[in-house]
Amino acid sequence: MTADYERAVADHIIELCEEGGELRALIELVPSPDHLLVLNIAVRPDQQGQGLGSTLLLHAEALARSLGFPEVQLYTNAAFASNLSFYSRRGYQEFRRGSLLPGSVTIFMRKRLDIAD
């Protein structure tokens, strides 16, 4: 893993989902000039299937609206069909393909927000 977590904690928005002092899930967000980027969603394996990922995405969308952003963007590896399905069911649409890592296809997705929602 090559992520610079010290920089991420200082420069990004990291929201935690905790219960009883135990971390259940988190979302890492990066404000950009014209959108809020979901950089990472992580749900503890024993907490998956309980709606935490959906809850975190809804939280990101509400935060984006409060900051005046017209959309939320994210990206995922094309090989992760379950991720693509998960995001699509929640209103995210593919708008571009590229490659962030050699030999892989990255799918960039976005959800346009109605600020009045």
PDB file of N, CA and C in Angstrom:
ATOM      1  N   MET A   1       0.851  -1.173   0.000  1.00  0.00           N
ATOM      2  CA  MET A   1       0.000   0.000   0.000  1.00  0.00           C
ATOM      3  C   MET A   1       0.894   1.232   0.000  1.00  0.00           C
ATOM      4  N   THR A   2       0.531   2.169  -0.841  1.00  0.00           N
ATOM      5  CA  THR A   2       1.365   3.357  -0.978  1.00  0.00           C
ATOM      6  C   THR A   2       0.641   4.637  -0.574  1.00  0.00           C
ATOM      7  N   ALA A   3      -0.520   4.520   0.006  1.00  0.00           N
ATOM      8  CA  ALA A   3      -1.275   5.716   0.393  1.00  0.00           C
ATOM      9  C   ALA A   3      -0.546   6.471   1.502  1.00  0.00           C
ATOM     10  N   ASP A   4      -0.586   7.787   1.418  1.00  0.00           N
ATOM     11  CA  ASP A   4       0.003   8.649   2.440  1.00  0.00           C
ATOM     12  C   ASP A   4      -1.113   9.038   3.409  1.00  0.00           C
ATOM     13  N   TYR A   5      -1.303   8.216   4.447  1.00  0.00           N
ATOM     14  CA  TYR A   5      -2.425   8.424   5.355  1.00  0.00           C
ATOM     15  C   TYR A   5      -2.247   9.661   6.228  1.00  0.00           C
ATOM     16  N   GLU A   6      -1.034  10.027   6.528  1.00  0.00           N
ATOM     17  CA  GLU A   6      -0.809  11.252   7.306  1.00  0.00           C
ATOM     18  C   GLU A   6      -1.329  12.461   6.521  1.00  0.00           C
ATOM     19  N   ARG A   7      -1.016  12.512   5.220  1.00  0.00           N
ATOM     20  CA  ARG A   7      -1.510  13.597   4.375  1.00  0.00           C
ATOM     21  C   ARG A   7      -3.023  13.518   4.228  1.00  0.00           C
ATOM     22  N   ALA A   8      -3.543  12.313   4.061  1.00  0.00           N
ATOM     23  CA  ALA A   8      -4.990  12.147   3.884  1.00  0.00           C
ATOM     24  C   ALA A   8      -5.750  12.672   5.092  1.00  0.00           C
ATOM     25  N   VAL A   9      -5.287  12.360   6.275  1.00  0.00           N
ATOM     26  CA  VAL A   9      -5.971  12.815   7.492  1.00  0.00           C
ATOM     27  C   VAL A   9      -5.933  14.340   7.590  1.00  0.00           C
ATOM     28  N   ALA A  10      -4.843  14.945   7.127  1.00  0.00           N
ATOM     29  CA  ALA A  10      -4.711  16.402   7.199  1.00  0.00           C
ATOM     30  C   ALA A  10      -5.492  17.110   6.091  1.00  0.00           C
ATOM     31  N   ASP A  11      -5.521  16.524   4.885  1.00  0.00           N
ATOM     32  CA  ASP A  11      -6.054  17.227   3.717  1.00  0.00           C
ATOM     33  C   ASP A  11      -7.449  16.795   3.267  1.00  0.00           C
ATOM     34  N   HIS A  12      -7.900  15.625   3.691  1.00  0.00           N
ATOM     35  CA  HIS A  12      -9.179  15.093   3.225  1.00  0.00           C
ATOM     36  C   HIS A  12     -10.203  15.117   4.358  1.00  0.00           C
ATOM     37  N   ILE A  13     -11.442  14.885   3.990  1.00  0.00           N
ATOM     38  CA  ILE A  13     -12.514  14.739   4.977  1.00  0.00           C
ATOM     39  C   ILE A  13     -12.682  13.239   5.212  1.00  0.00           C
ATOM     40  N   ILE A  14     -12.483  12.819   6.437  1.00  0.00           N
ATOM     41  CA  ILE A  14     -12.635  11.405   6.771  1.00  0.00           C
ATOM     42  C   ILE A  14     -13.705  11.302   7.844  1.00  0.00           C
ATOM     43  N   GLU A  15     -14.797  10.641   7.478  1.00  0.00           N
ATOM     44  CA  GLU A  15     -15.925  10.462   8.385  1.00  0.00           C
ATOM     45  C   GLU A  15     -15.941   9.014   8.851  1.00  0.00           C
ATOM     46  N   LEU A  16     -16.108   8.813  10.133  1.00  0.00           N
ATOM     47  CA  LEU A  16     -16.116   7.479  10.711  1.00  0.00           C
ATOM     48  C   LEU A  16     -17.518   7.081  11.141  1.00  0.00           C
ATOM     49  N   CYS A  17     -17.818   5.820  10.993  1.00  0.00           N
ATOM     50  CA  CYS A  17     -19.049   5.248  11.511  1.00  0.00           C
ATOM     51  C   CYS A  17     -18.630   4.308  12.644  1.00  0.00           C
ATOM     52  N   GLU A  18     -18.976   4.711  13.844  1.00  0.00           N
ATOM     53  CA  GLU A  18     -18.576   3.940  15.021  1.00  0.00           C
ATOM     54  C   GLU A  18     -19.809   3.521  15.812  1.00  0.00           C
ATOM     55  N   GLU A  19     -19.641   2.451  16.572  1.00  0.00           N
ATOM     56  CA  GLU A  19     -20.683   2.007  17.486  1.00  0.00           C
ATOM     57  C   GLU A  19     -19.995   1.374  18.688  1.00  0.00           C
ATOM     58  N   GLY A  20     -20.351   1.853  19.865  1.00  0.00           N
ATOM     59  CA  GLY A  20     -19.745   1.313  21.073  1.00  0.00           C
ATOM     60  C   GLY A  20     -18.232   1.469  21.098  1.00  0.00           C
ATOM     61  N   GLY A  21     -17.737   2.548  20.491  1.00  0.00           N
ATOM     62  CA  GLY A  21     -16.302   2.788  20.462  1.00  0.00           C
ATOM     63  C   GLY A  21     -15.546   1.954  19.438  1.00  0.00           C
ATOM     64  N   GLU A  22     -16.270   1.209  18.614  1.00  0.00           N
ATOM     65  CA  GLU A  22     -15.639   0.364  17.597  1.00  0.00           C
ATOM     66  C   GLU A  22     -15.918   0.930  16.203  1.00  0.00           C
ATOM     67  N   LEU A  23     -14.865   0.997  15.402  1.00  0.00           N
ATOM     68  CA  LEU A  23     -15.000   1.459  14.032  1.00  0.00           C
ATOM     69  C   LEU A  23     -15.729   0.413  13.204  1.00  0.00           C
ATOM     70  N   ARG A  24     -16.798   0.839  12.524  1.00  0.00           N
ATOM     71  CA  ARG A  24     -17.563  -0.068  11.654  1.00  0.00           C
ATOM     72  C   ARG A  24     -17.271   0.208  10.185  1.00  0.00           C
ATOM     73  N   ALA A  25     -17.096   1.492   9.844  1.00  0.00           N
ATOM     74  CA  ALA A  25     -16.888   1.869   8.450  1.00  0.00           C
ATOM     75  C   ALA A  25     -16.345   3.288   8.399  1.00  0.00           C
ATOM     76  N   LEU A  26     -15.852   3.673   7.214  1.00  0.00           N
ATOM     77  CA  LEU A  26     -15.398   5.052   7.023  1.00  0.00           C
ATOM     78  C   LEU A  26     -15.546   5.432   5.567  1.00  0.00           C
ATOM     79  N   ILE A  27     -15.548   6.738   5.351  1.00  0.00           N
ATOM     80  CA  ILE A  27     -15.553   7.294   3.998  1.00  0.00           C
ATOM     81  C   ILE A  27     -14.533   8.421   3.969  1.00  0.00           C
ATOM     82  N   GLU A  28     -13.766   8.458   2.889  1.00  0.00           N
ATOM     83  CA  GLU A  28     -12.755   9.489   2.687  1.00  0.00           C
ATOM     84  C   GLU A  28     -13.185  10.339   1.499  1.00  0.00           C
ATOM     85  N   LEU A  29     -13.272  11.639   1.711  1.00  0.00           N
ATOM     86  CA  LEU A  29     -13.794  12.575   0.720  1.00  0.00           C
ATOM     87  C   LEU A  29     -12.781  13.669   0.431  1.00  0.00           C
ATOM     88  N   VAL A  30     -12.761  14.106  -0.824  1.00  0.00           N
ATOM     89  CA  VAL A  30     -11.844  15.165  -1.237  1.00  0.00           C
ATOM     90  C   VAL A  30     -12.638  16.229  -1.989  1.00  0.00           C
ATOM     91  N   PRO A  31     -12.747  17.426  -1.436  1.00  0.00           N
ATOM     92  CA  PRO A  31     -13.393  18.507  -2.172  1.00  0.00           C
ATOM     93  C   PRO A  31     -12.540  18.916  -3.374  1.00  0.00           C
ATOM     94  N   SER A  32     -13.148  19.014  -4.529  1.00  0.00           N
ATOM     95  CA  SER A  32     -12.508  19.482  -5.750  1.00  0.00           C
ATOM     96  C   SER A  32     -13.193  20.782  -6.144  1.00  0.00           C
ATOM     97  N   PRO A  33     -12.691  21.476  -7.148  1.00  0.00           N
ATOM     98  CA  PRO A  33     -13.324  22.751  -7.495  1.00  0.00           C
ATOM     99  C   PRO A  33     -14.813  22.652  -7.838  1.00  0.00           C
ATOM    100  N   ASP A  34     -15.236  21.551  -8.491  1.00  0.00           N
ATOM    101  CA  ASP A  34     -16.629  21.481  -8.945  1.00  0.00           C
ATOM    102  C   ASP A  34     -17.380  20.233  -8.505  1.00  0.00           C
ATOM    103  N   HIS A  35     -16.810  19.451  -7.589  1.00  0.00           N
ATOM    104  CA  HIS A  35     -17.488  18.250  -7.105  1.00  0.00           C
ATOM    105  C   HIS A  35     -16.834  17.770  -5.815  1.00  0.00           C
ATOM    106  N   LEU A  36     -17.501  16.841  -5.153  1.00  0.00           N
ATOM    107  CA  LEU A  36     -16.940  16.159  -4.001  1.00  0.00           C
ATOM    108  C   LEU A  36     -16.566  14.760  -4.464  1.00  0.00           C
ATOM    109  N   LEU A  37     -15.316  14.373  -4.261  1.00  0.00           N
ATOM    110  CA  LEU A  37     -14.815  13.077  -4.693  1.00  0.00           C
ATOM    111  C   LEU A  37     -14.836  12.098  -3.532  1.00  0.00           C
ATOM    112  N   VAL A  38     -15.473  10.946  -3.750  1.00  0.00           N
ATOM    113  CA  VAL A  38     -15.403   9.842  -2.796  1.00  0.00           C
ATOM    114  C   VAL A  38     -14.144   9.071  -3.159  1.00  0.00           C
ATOM    115  N   LEU A  39     -13.135   9.196  -2.331  1.00  0.00           N
ATOM    116  CA  LEU A  39     -11.869   8.537  -2.604  1.00  0.00           C
ATOM    117  C   LEU A  39     -11.860   7.104  -2.079  1.00  0.00           C
ATOM    118  N   ASN A  40     -12.573   6.884  -0.978  1.00  0.00           N
ATOM    119  CA  ASN A  40     -12.535   5.556  -0.372  1.00  0.00           C
ATOM    120  C   ASN A  40     -13.774   5.354   0.502  1.00  0.00           C
ATOM    121  N   ILE A  41     -14.349   4.183   0.391  1.00  0.00           N
ATOM    122  CA  ILE A  41     -15.358   3.704   1.335  1.00  0.00           C
ATOM    123  C   ILE A  41     -14.845   2.367   1.836  1.00  0.00           C
ATOM    124  N   ALA A  42     -14.787   2.210   3.128  1.00  0.00           N
ATOM    125  CA  ALA A  42     -14.335   0.943   3.707  1.00  0.00           C
ATOM    126  C   ALA A  42     -15.311   0.527   4.802  1.00  0.00           C
ATOM    127  N   VAL A  43     -15.809  -0.687   4.686  1.00  0.00           N
ATOM    128  CA  VAL A  43     -16.719  -1.254   5.684  1.00  0.00           C
ATOM    129  C   VAL A  43     -16.053  -2.518   6.217  1.00  0.00           C
ATOM    130  N   ARG A  44     -15.949  -2.592   7.521  1.00  0.00           N
ATOM    131  CA  ARG A  44     -15.348  -3.765   8.147  1.00  0.00           C
ATOM    132  C   ARG A  44     -16.060  -5.029   7.651  1.00  0.00           C
ATOM    133  N   PRO A  45     -15.325  -6.080   7.314  1.00  0.00           N
ATOM    134  CA  PRO A  45     -15.948  -7.282   6.739  1.00  0.00           C
ATOM    135  C   PRO A  45     -17.130  -7.818   7.548  1.00  0.00           C
ATOM    136  N   ASP A  46     -17.039  -7.812   8.857  1.00  0.00           N
ATOM    137  CA  ASP A  46     -18.140  -8.337   9.665  1.00  0.00           C
ATOM    138  C   ASP A  46     -19.314  -7.376   9.775  1.00  0.00           C
ATOM    139  N   GLN A  47     -19.198  -6.187   9.171  1.00  0.00           N
ATOM    140  CA  GLN A  47     -20.265  -5.192   9.184  1.00  0.00           C
ATOM    141  C   GLN A  47     -20.907  -5.023   7.807  1.00  0.00           C
ATOM    142  N   GLN A  48     -20.392  -5.720   6.797  1.00  0.00           N
ATOM    143  CA  GLN A  48     -20.910  -5.586   5.447  1.00  0.00           C
ATOM    144  C   GLN A  48     -22.313  -6.181   5.352  1.00  0.00           C
ATOM    145  N   GLY A  49     -23.095  -5.616   4.441  1.00  0.00           N
ATOM    146  CA  GLY A  49     -24.460  -6.086   4.243  1.00  0.00           C
ATOM    147  C   GLY A  49     -25.477  -5.459   5.175  1.00  0.00           C
ATOM    148  N   GLN A  50     -25.063  -4.465   5.949  1.00  0.00           N
ATOM    149  CA  GLN A  50     -25.954  -3.807   6.894  1.00  0.00           C
ATOM    150  C   GLN A  50     -26.350  -2.394   6.455  1.00  0.00           C
ATOM    151  N   GLY A  51     -25.974  -2.023   5.244  1.00  0.00           N
ATOM    152  CA  GLY A  51     -26.364  -0.714   4.723  1.00  0.00           C
ATOM    153  C   GLY A  51     -25.411   0.423   5.058  1.00  0.00           C
ATOM    154  N   LEU A  52     -24.256   0.114   5.628  1.00  0.00           N
ATOM    155  CA  LEU A  52     -23.333   1.183   6.008  1.00  0.00           C
ATOM    156  C   LEU A  52     -22.763   1.913   4.795  1.00  0.00           C
ATOM    157  N   GLY A  53     -22.447   1.176   3.726  1.00  0.00           N
ATOM    158  CA  GLY A  53     -21.943   1.815   2.514  1.00  0.00           C
ATOM    159  C   GLY A  53     -22.957   2.786   1.940  1.00  0.00           C
ATOM    160  N   SER A  54     -24.211   2.378   1.893  1.00  0.00           N
ATOM    161  CA  SER A  54     -25.279   3.265   1.402  1.00  0.00           C
ATOM    162  C   SER A  54     -25.426   4.487   2.291  1.00  0.00           C
ATOM    163  N   THR A  55     -25.383   4.274   3.581  1.00  0.00           N
ATOM    164  CA  THR A  55     -25.497   5.380   4.535  1.00  0.00           C
ATOM    165  C   THR A  55     -24.352   6.372   4.351  1.00  0.00           C
ATOM    166  N   LEU A  56     -23.150   5.864   4.159  1.00  0.00           N
ATOM    167  CA  LEU A  56     -21.996   6.744   3.961  1.00  0.00           C
ATOM    168  C   LEU A  56     -22.111   7.518   2.651  1.00  0.00           C
ATOM    169  N   LEU A  57     -22.594   6.874   1.589  1.00  0.00           N
ATOM    170  CA  LEU A  57     -22.790   7.591   0.328  1.00  0.00           C
ATOM    171  C   LEU A  57     -23.841   8.686   0.480  1.00  0.00           C
ATOM    172  N   LEU A  58     -24.940   8.395   1.159  1.00  0.00           N
ATOM    173  CA  LEU A  58     -25.965   9.420   1.400  1.00  0.00           C
ATOM    174  C   LEU A  58     -25.385  10.578   2.210  1.00  0.00           C
ATOM    175  N   HIS A  59     -24.532  10.254   3.171  1.00  0.00           N
ATOM    176  CA  HIS A  59     -23.868  11.290   3.964  1.00  0.00           C
ATOM    177  C   HIS A  59     -22.991  12.162   3.063  1.00  0.00           C
ATOM    178  N   ALA A  60     -22.234  11.527   2.160  1.00  0.00           N
ATOM    179  CA  ALA A  60     -21.378  12.278   1.240  1.00  0.00           C
ATOM    180  C   ALA A  60     -22.208  13.200   0.354  1.00  0.00           C
ATOM    181  N   GLU A  61     -23.343  12.707  -0.114  1.00  0.00           N
ATOM    182  CA  GLU A  61     -24.214  13.519  -0.958  1.00  0.00           C
ATOM    183  C   GLU A  61     -24.776  14.710  -0.189  1.00  0.00           C
ATOM    184  N   ALA A  62     -25.168  14.490   1.052  1.00  0.00           N
ATOM    185  CA  ALA A  62     -25.677  15.596   1.881  1.00  0.00           C
ATOM    186  C   ALA A  62     -24.576  16.620   2.144  1.00  0.00           C
ATOM    187  N   LEU A  63     -23.375  16.140   2.401  1.00  0.00           N
ATOM    188  CA  LEU A  63     -22.249  17.053   2.632  1.00  0.00           C
ATOM    189  C   LEU A  63     -21.959  17.848   1.362  1.00  0.00           C
ATOM    190  N   ALA A  64     -21.970  17.168   0.210  1.00  0.00           N
ATOM    191  CA  ALA A  64     -21.723  17.864  -1.058  1.00  0.00           C
ATOM    192  C   ALA A  64     -22.752  18.975  -1.270  1.00  0.00           C
ATOM    193  N   ARG A  65     -24.012  18.663  -1.016  1.00  0.00           N
ATOM    194  CA  ARG A  65     -25.064  19.687  -1.151  1.00  0.00           C
ATOM    195  C   ARG A  65     -24.790  20.867  -0.220  1.00  0.00           C
ATOM    196  N   SER A  66     -24.434  20.560   1.021  1.00  0.00           N
ATOM    197  CA  SER A  66     -24.207  21.636   1.998  1.00  0.00           C
ATOM    198  C   SER A  66     -23.025  22.515   1.607  1.00  0.00           C
ATOM    199  N   LEU A  67     -22.080  21.954   0.860  1.00  0.00           N
ATOM    200  CA  LEU A  67     -20.916  22.713   0.397  1.00  0.00           C
ATOM    201  C   LEU A  67     -21.164  23.369  -0.962  1.00  0.00           C
ATOM    202  N   GLY A  68     -22.366  23.142  -1.528  1.00  0.00           N
ATOM    203  CA  GLY A  68     -22.730  23.757  -2.797  1.00  0.00           C
ATOM    204  C   GLY A  68     -22.229  23.027  -4.033  1.00  0.00           C
ATOM    205  N   PHE A  69     -21.804  21.783  -3.892  1.00  0.00           N
ATOM    206  CA  PHE A  69     -21.322  21.022  -5.039  1.00  0.00           C
ATOM    207  C   PHE A  69     -22.499  20.442  -5.817  1.00  0.00           C
ATOM    208  N   PRO A  70     -22.447  20.492  -7.144  1.00  0.00           N
ATOM    209  CA  PRO A  70     -23.546  19.952  -7.947  1.00  0.00           C
ATOM    210  C   PRO A  70     -23.473  18.439  -8.160  1.00  0.00           C
ATOM    211  N   GLU A  71     -22.354  17.818  -7.780  1.00  0.00           N
ATOM    212  CA  GLU A  71     -22.248  16.380  -7.981  1.00  0.00           C
ATOM    213  C   GLU A  71     -21.214  15.747  -7.063  1.00  0.00           C
ATOM    214  N   VAL A  72     -21.362  14.429  -6.929  1.00  0.00           N
ATOM    215  CA  VAL A  72     -20.394  13.588  -6.231  1.00  0.00           C
ATOM    216  C   VAL A  72     -19.785  12.677  -7.287  1.00  0.00           C
ATOM    217  N   GLN A  73     -18.471  12.520  -7.245  1.00  0.00           N
ATOM    218  CA  GLN A  73     -17.788  11.624  -8.156  1.00  0.00           C
ATOM    219  C   GLN A  73     -17.046  10.555  -7.362  1.00  0.00           C
ATOM    220  N   LEU A  74     -16.783   9.441  -8.036  1.00  0.00           N
ATOM    221  CA  LEU A  74     -15.986   8.356  -7.463  1.00  0.00           C
ATOM    222  C   LEU A  74     -15.433   7.543  -8.605  1.00  0.00           C
ATOM    223  N   TYR A  75     -14.552   6.622  -8.297  1.00  0.00           N
ATOM    224  CA  TYR A  75     -14.043   5.719  -9.322  1.00  0.00           C
ATOM    225  C   TYR A  75     -13.797   4.357  -8.699  1.00  0.00           C
ATOM    226  N   THR A  76     -13.830   3.347  -9.573  1.00  0.00           N
ATOM    227  CA  THR A  76     -13.608   1.979  -9.127  1.00  0.00           C
ATOM    228  C   THR A  76     -12.992   1.181 -10.268  1.00  0.00           C
ATOM    229  N   ASN A  77     -12.402   0.072  -9.927  1.00  0.00           N
ATOM    230  CA  ASN A  77     -11.803  -0.810 -10.911  1.00  0.00           C
ATOM    231  C   ASN A  77     -12.921  -1.526 -11.679  1.00  0.00           C
ATOM    232  N   ALA A  78     -12.800  -1.587 -12.992  1.00  0.00           N
ATOM    233  CA  ALA A  78     -13.813  -2.235 -13.821  1.00  0.00           C
ATOM    234  C   ALA A  78     -13.983  -3.708 -13.484  1.00  0.00           C
ATOM    235  N   ALA A  79     -12.965  -4.314 -12.896  1.00  0.00           N
ATOM    236  CA  ALA A  79     -13.032  -5.736 -12.544  1.00  0.00           C
ATOM    237  C   ALA A  79     -13.977  -5.992 -11.370  1.00  0.00           C
ATOM    238  N   PHE A  80     -14.344  -4.960 -10.627  1.00  0.00           N
ATOM    239  CA  PHE A  80     -15.191  -5.124  -9.452  1.00  0.00           C
ATOM    240  C   PHE A  80     -16.657  -4.897  -9.833  1.00  0.00           C
ATOM    241  N   ALA A  81     -17.239  -5.904 -10.464  1.00  0.00           N
ATOM    242  CA  ALA A  81     -18.626  -5.793 -10.934  1.00  0.00           C
ATOM    243  C   ALA A  81     -19.584  -5.467  -9.796  1.00  0.00           C
ATOM    244  N   SER A  82     -19.328  -5.987  -8.605  1.00  0.00           N
ATOM    245  CA  SER A  82     -20.232  -5.709  -7.478  1.00  0.00           C
ATOM    246  C   SER A  82     -20.189  -4.226  -7.107  1.00  0.00           C
ATOM    247  N   ASN A  83     -19.025  -3.585  -7.212  1.00  0.00           N
ATOM    248  CA  ASN A  83     -18.943  -2.145  -6.944  1.00  0.00           C
ATOM    249  C   ASN A  83     -19.755  -1.365  -7.971  1.00  0.00           C
ATOM    250  N   LEU A  84     -19.594  -1.735  -9.239  1.00  0.00           N
ATOM    251  CA  LEU A  84     -20.316  -1.036 -10.305  1.00  0.00           C
ATOM    252  C   LEU A  84     -21.820  -1.149 -10.101  1.00  0.00           C
ATOM    253  N   SER A  85     -22.268  -2.329  -9.751  1.00  0.00           N
ATOM    254  CA  SER A  85     -23.688  -2.544  -9.495  1.00  0.00           C
ATOM    255  C   SER A  85     -24.155  -1.740  -8.285  1.00  0.00           C
ATOM    256  N   PHE A  86     -23.375  -1.766  -7.217  1.00  0.00           N
ATOM    257  CA  PHE A  86     -23.695  -1.042  -5.984  1.00  0.00           C
ATOM    258  C   PHE A  86     -23.884   0.454  -6.286  1.00  0.00           C
ATOM    259  N   TYR A  87     -22.923   1.051  -6.968  1.00  0.00           N
ATOM    260  CA  TYR A  87     -22.989   2.484  -7.249  1.00  0.00           C
ATOM    261  C   TYR A  87     -24.108   2.803  -8.247  1.00  0.00           C
ATOM    262  N   SER A  88     -24.279   1.963  -9.254  1.00  0.00           N
ATOM    263  CA  SER A  88     -25.338   2.199 -10.244  1.00  0.00           C
ATOM    264  C   SER A  88     -26.713   2.190  -9.597  1.00  0.00           C
ATOM    265  N   ARG A  89     -26.942   1.257  -8.689  1.00  0.00           N
ATOM    266  CA  ARG A  89     -28.241   1.181  -8.008  1.00  0.00           C
ATOM    267  C   ARG A  89     -28.501   2.425  -7.163  1.00  0.00           C
ATOM    268  N   ARG A  90     -27.479   3.153  -6.835  1.00  0.00           N
ATOM    269  CA  ARG A  90     -27.620   4.356  -6.015  1.00  0.00           C
ATOM    270  C   ARG A  90     -27.552   5.638  -6.848  1.00  0.00           C
ATOM    271  N   GLY A  91     -27.708   5.480  -8.175  1.00  0.00           N
ATOM    272  CA  GLY A  91     -27.814   6.649  -9.046  1.00  0.00           C
ATOM    273  C   GLY A  91     -26.526   7.142  -9.659  1.00  0.00           C
ATOM    274  N   TYR A  92     -25.426   6.451  -9.465  1.00  0.00           N
ATOM    275  CA  TYR A  92     -24.154   6.869 -10.049  1.00  0.00           C
ATOM    276  C   TYR A  92     -24.057   6.336 -11.467  1.00  0.00           C
ATOM    277  N   GLN A  93     -23.558   7.182 -12.375  1.00  0.00           N
ATOM    278  CA  GLN A  93     -23.446   6.824 -13.781  1.00  0.00           C
ATOM    279  C   GLN A  93     -22.006   6.974 -14.249  1.00  0.00           C
ATOM    280  N   GLU A  94     -21.599   6.051 -15.093  1.00  0.00           N
ATOM    281  CA  GLU A  94     -20.256   6.121 -15.672  1.00  0.00           C
ATOM    282  C   GLU A  94     -20.174   7.325 -16.594  1.00  0.00           C
ATOM    283  N   PHE A  95     -19.055   8.065 -16.496  1.00  0.00           N
ATOM    284  CA  PHE A  95     -18.857   9.166 -17.422  1.00  0.00           C
ATOM    285  C   PHE A  95     -17.509   9.118 -18.120  1.00  0.00           C
ATOM    286  N   ARG A  96     -16.640   8.194 -17.665  1.00  0.00           N
ATOM    287  CA  ARG A  96     -15.324   8.116 -18.305  1.00  0.00           C
ATOM    288  C   ARG A  96     -14.648   6.816 -17.887  1.00  0.00           C
ATOM    289  N   ARG A  97     -13.783   6.330 -18.764  1.00  0.00           N
ATOM    290  CA  ARG A  97     -12.918   5.195 -18.439  1.00  0.00           C
ATOM    291  C   ARG A  97     -11.477   5.631 -18.629  1.00  0.00           C
ATOM    292  N   GLY A  98     -10.618   5.087 -17.825  1.00  0.00           N
ATOM    293  CA  GLY A  98      -9.205   5.395 -17.914  1.00  0.00           C
ATOM    294  C   GLY A  98      -8.429   4.321 -17.190  1.00  0.00           C
ATOM    295  N   SER A  99      -7.216   4.655 -16.802  1.00  0.00           N
ATOM    296  CA  SER A  99      -6.391   3.705 -16.079  1.00  0.00           C
ATOM    297  C   SER A  99      -5.555   4.452 -15.047  1.00  0.00           C
ATOM    298  N   LEU A 100      -5.752   4.118 -13.792  1.00  0.00           N
ATOM    299  CA  LEU A 100      -4.943   4.700 -12.722  1.00  0.00           C
ATOM    300  C   LEU A 100      -3.754   3.804 -12.400  1.00  0.00           C
ATOM    301  N   LEU A 101      -3.888   2.515 -12.709  1.00  0.00           N
ATOM    302  CA  LEU A 101      -2.814   1.550 -12.499  1.00  0.00           C
ATOM    303  C   LEU A 101      -2.573   0.802 -13.798  1.00  0.00           C
ATOM    304  N   PRO A 102      -1.326   0.556 -14.142  1.00  0.00           N
ATOM    305  CA  PRO A 102      -1.053  -0.180 -15.378  1.00  0.00           C
ATOM    306  C   PRO A 102      -1.780  -1.529 -15.400  1.00  0.00           C
ATOM    307  N   GLY A 103      -2.399  -1.819 -16.542  1.00  0.00           N
ATOM    308  CA  GLY A 103      -3.069  -3.090 -16.714  1.00  0.00           C
ATOM    309  C   GLY A 103      -4.473  -3.162 -16.159  1.00  0.00           C
ATOM    310  N   SER A 104      -4.983  -2.065 -15.649  1.00  0.00           N
ATOM    311  CA  SER A 104      -6.346  -2.076 -15.108  1.00  0.00           C
ATOM    312  C   SER A 104      -7.171  -0.984 -15.777  1.00  0.00           C
ATOM    313  N   VAL A 105      -8.477  -1.188 -15.749  1.00  0.00           N
ATOM    314  CA  VAL A 105      -9.406  -0.192 -16.291  1.00  0.00           C
ATOM    315  C   VAL A 105     -10.143   0.429 -15.117  1.00  0.00           C
ATOM    316  N   THR A 106     -10.106   1.742 -15.046  1.00  0.00           N
ATOM    317  CA  THR A 106     -10.791   2.488 -13.995  1.00  0.00           C
ATOM    318  C   THR A 106     -12.058   3.093 -14.581  1.00  0.00           C
ATOM    319  N   ILE A 107     -13.150   2.908 -13.876  1.00  0.00           N
ATOM    320  CA  ILE A 107     -14.419   3.502 -14.292  1.00  0.00           C
ATOM    321  C   ILE A 107     -14.728   4.669 -13.366  1.00  0.00           C
ATOM    322  N   PHE A 108     -14.882   5.836 -13.964  1.00  0.00           N
ATOM    323  CA  PHE A 108     -15.199   7.056 -13.231  1.00  0.00           C
ATOM    324  C   PHE A 108     -16.711   7.247 -13.297  1.00  0.00           C
ATOM    325  N   MET A 109     -17.302   7.482 -12.135  1.00  0.00           N
ATOM    326  CA  MET A 109     -18.758   7.599 -12.028  1.00  0.00           C
ATOM    327  C   MET A 109     -19.110   8.898 -11.316  1.00  0.00           C
ATOM    328  N   ARG A 110     -20.320   9.369 -11.569  1.00  0.00           N
ATOM    329  CA  ARG A 110     -20.789  10.576 -10.884  1.00  0.00           C
ATOM    330  C   ARG A 110     -22.287  10.502 -10.665  1.00  0.00           C
ATOM    331  N   LYS A 111     -22.707  11.281  -9.703  1.00  0.00           N
ATOM    332  CA  LYS A 111     -24.129  11.458  -9.441  1.00  0.00           C
ATOM    333  C   LYS A 111     -24.377  12.954  -9.322  1.00  0.00           C
ATOM    334  N   ARG A 112     -25.193  13.449 -10.211  1.00  0.00           N
ATOM    335  CA  ARG A 112     -25.564  14.871 -10.156  1.00  0.00           C
ATOM    336  C   ARG A 112     -26.592  15.061  -9.055  1.00  0.00           C
ATOM    337  N   LEU A 113     -26.448  16.131  -8.321  1.00  0.00           N
ATOM    338  CA  LEU A 113     -27.299  16.377  -7.164  1.00  0.00           C
ATOM    339  C   LEU A 113     -28.248  17.524  -7.429  1.00  0.00           C
ATOM    340  N   ASP A 114     -29.440  17.361  -6.917  1.00  0.00           N
ATOM    341  CA  ASP A 114     -30.385  18.472  -6.878  1.00  0.00           C
ATOM    342  C   ASP A 114     -30.120  19.160  -5.542  1.00  0.00           C
ATOM    343  N   ILE A 115     -29.603  20.354  -5.577  1.00  0.00           N
ATOM    344  CA  ILE A 115     -29.224  21.055  -4.352  1.00  0.00           C
ATOM    345  C   ILE A 115     -30.399  21.198  -3.403  1.00  0.00           C
ATOM    346  N   ALA A 116     -31.617  21.196  -3.915  1.00  0.00           N
ATOM    347  CA  ALA A 116     -32.813  21.346  -3.061  1.00  0.00           C
ATOM    348  C   ALA A 116     -33.210  20.056  -2.376  1.00  0.00           C
ATOM    349  N   ASP A 117     -32.570  18.904  -2.729  1.00  0.00           N
ATOM    350  CA  ASP A 117     -32.943  17.625  -2.103  1.00  0.00           C
ATOM    351  C   ASP A 117     -32.800  17.655  -0.602  1.00  0.00           C
TER     352      ASP A 117
END
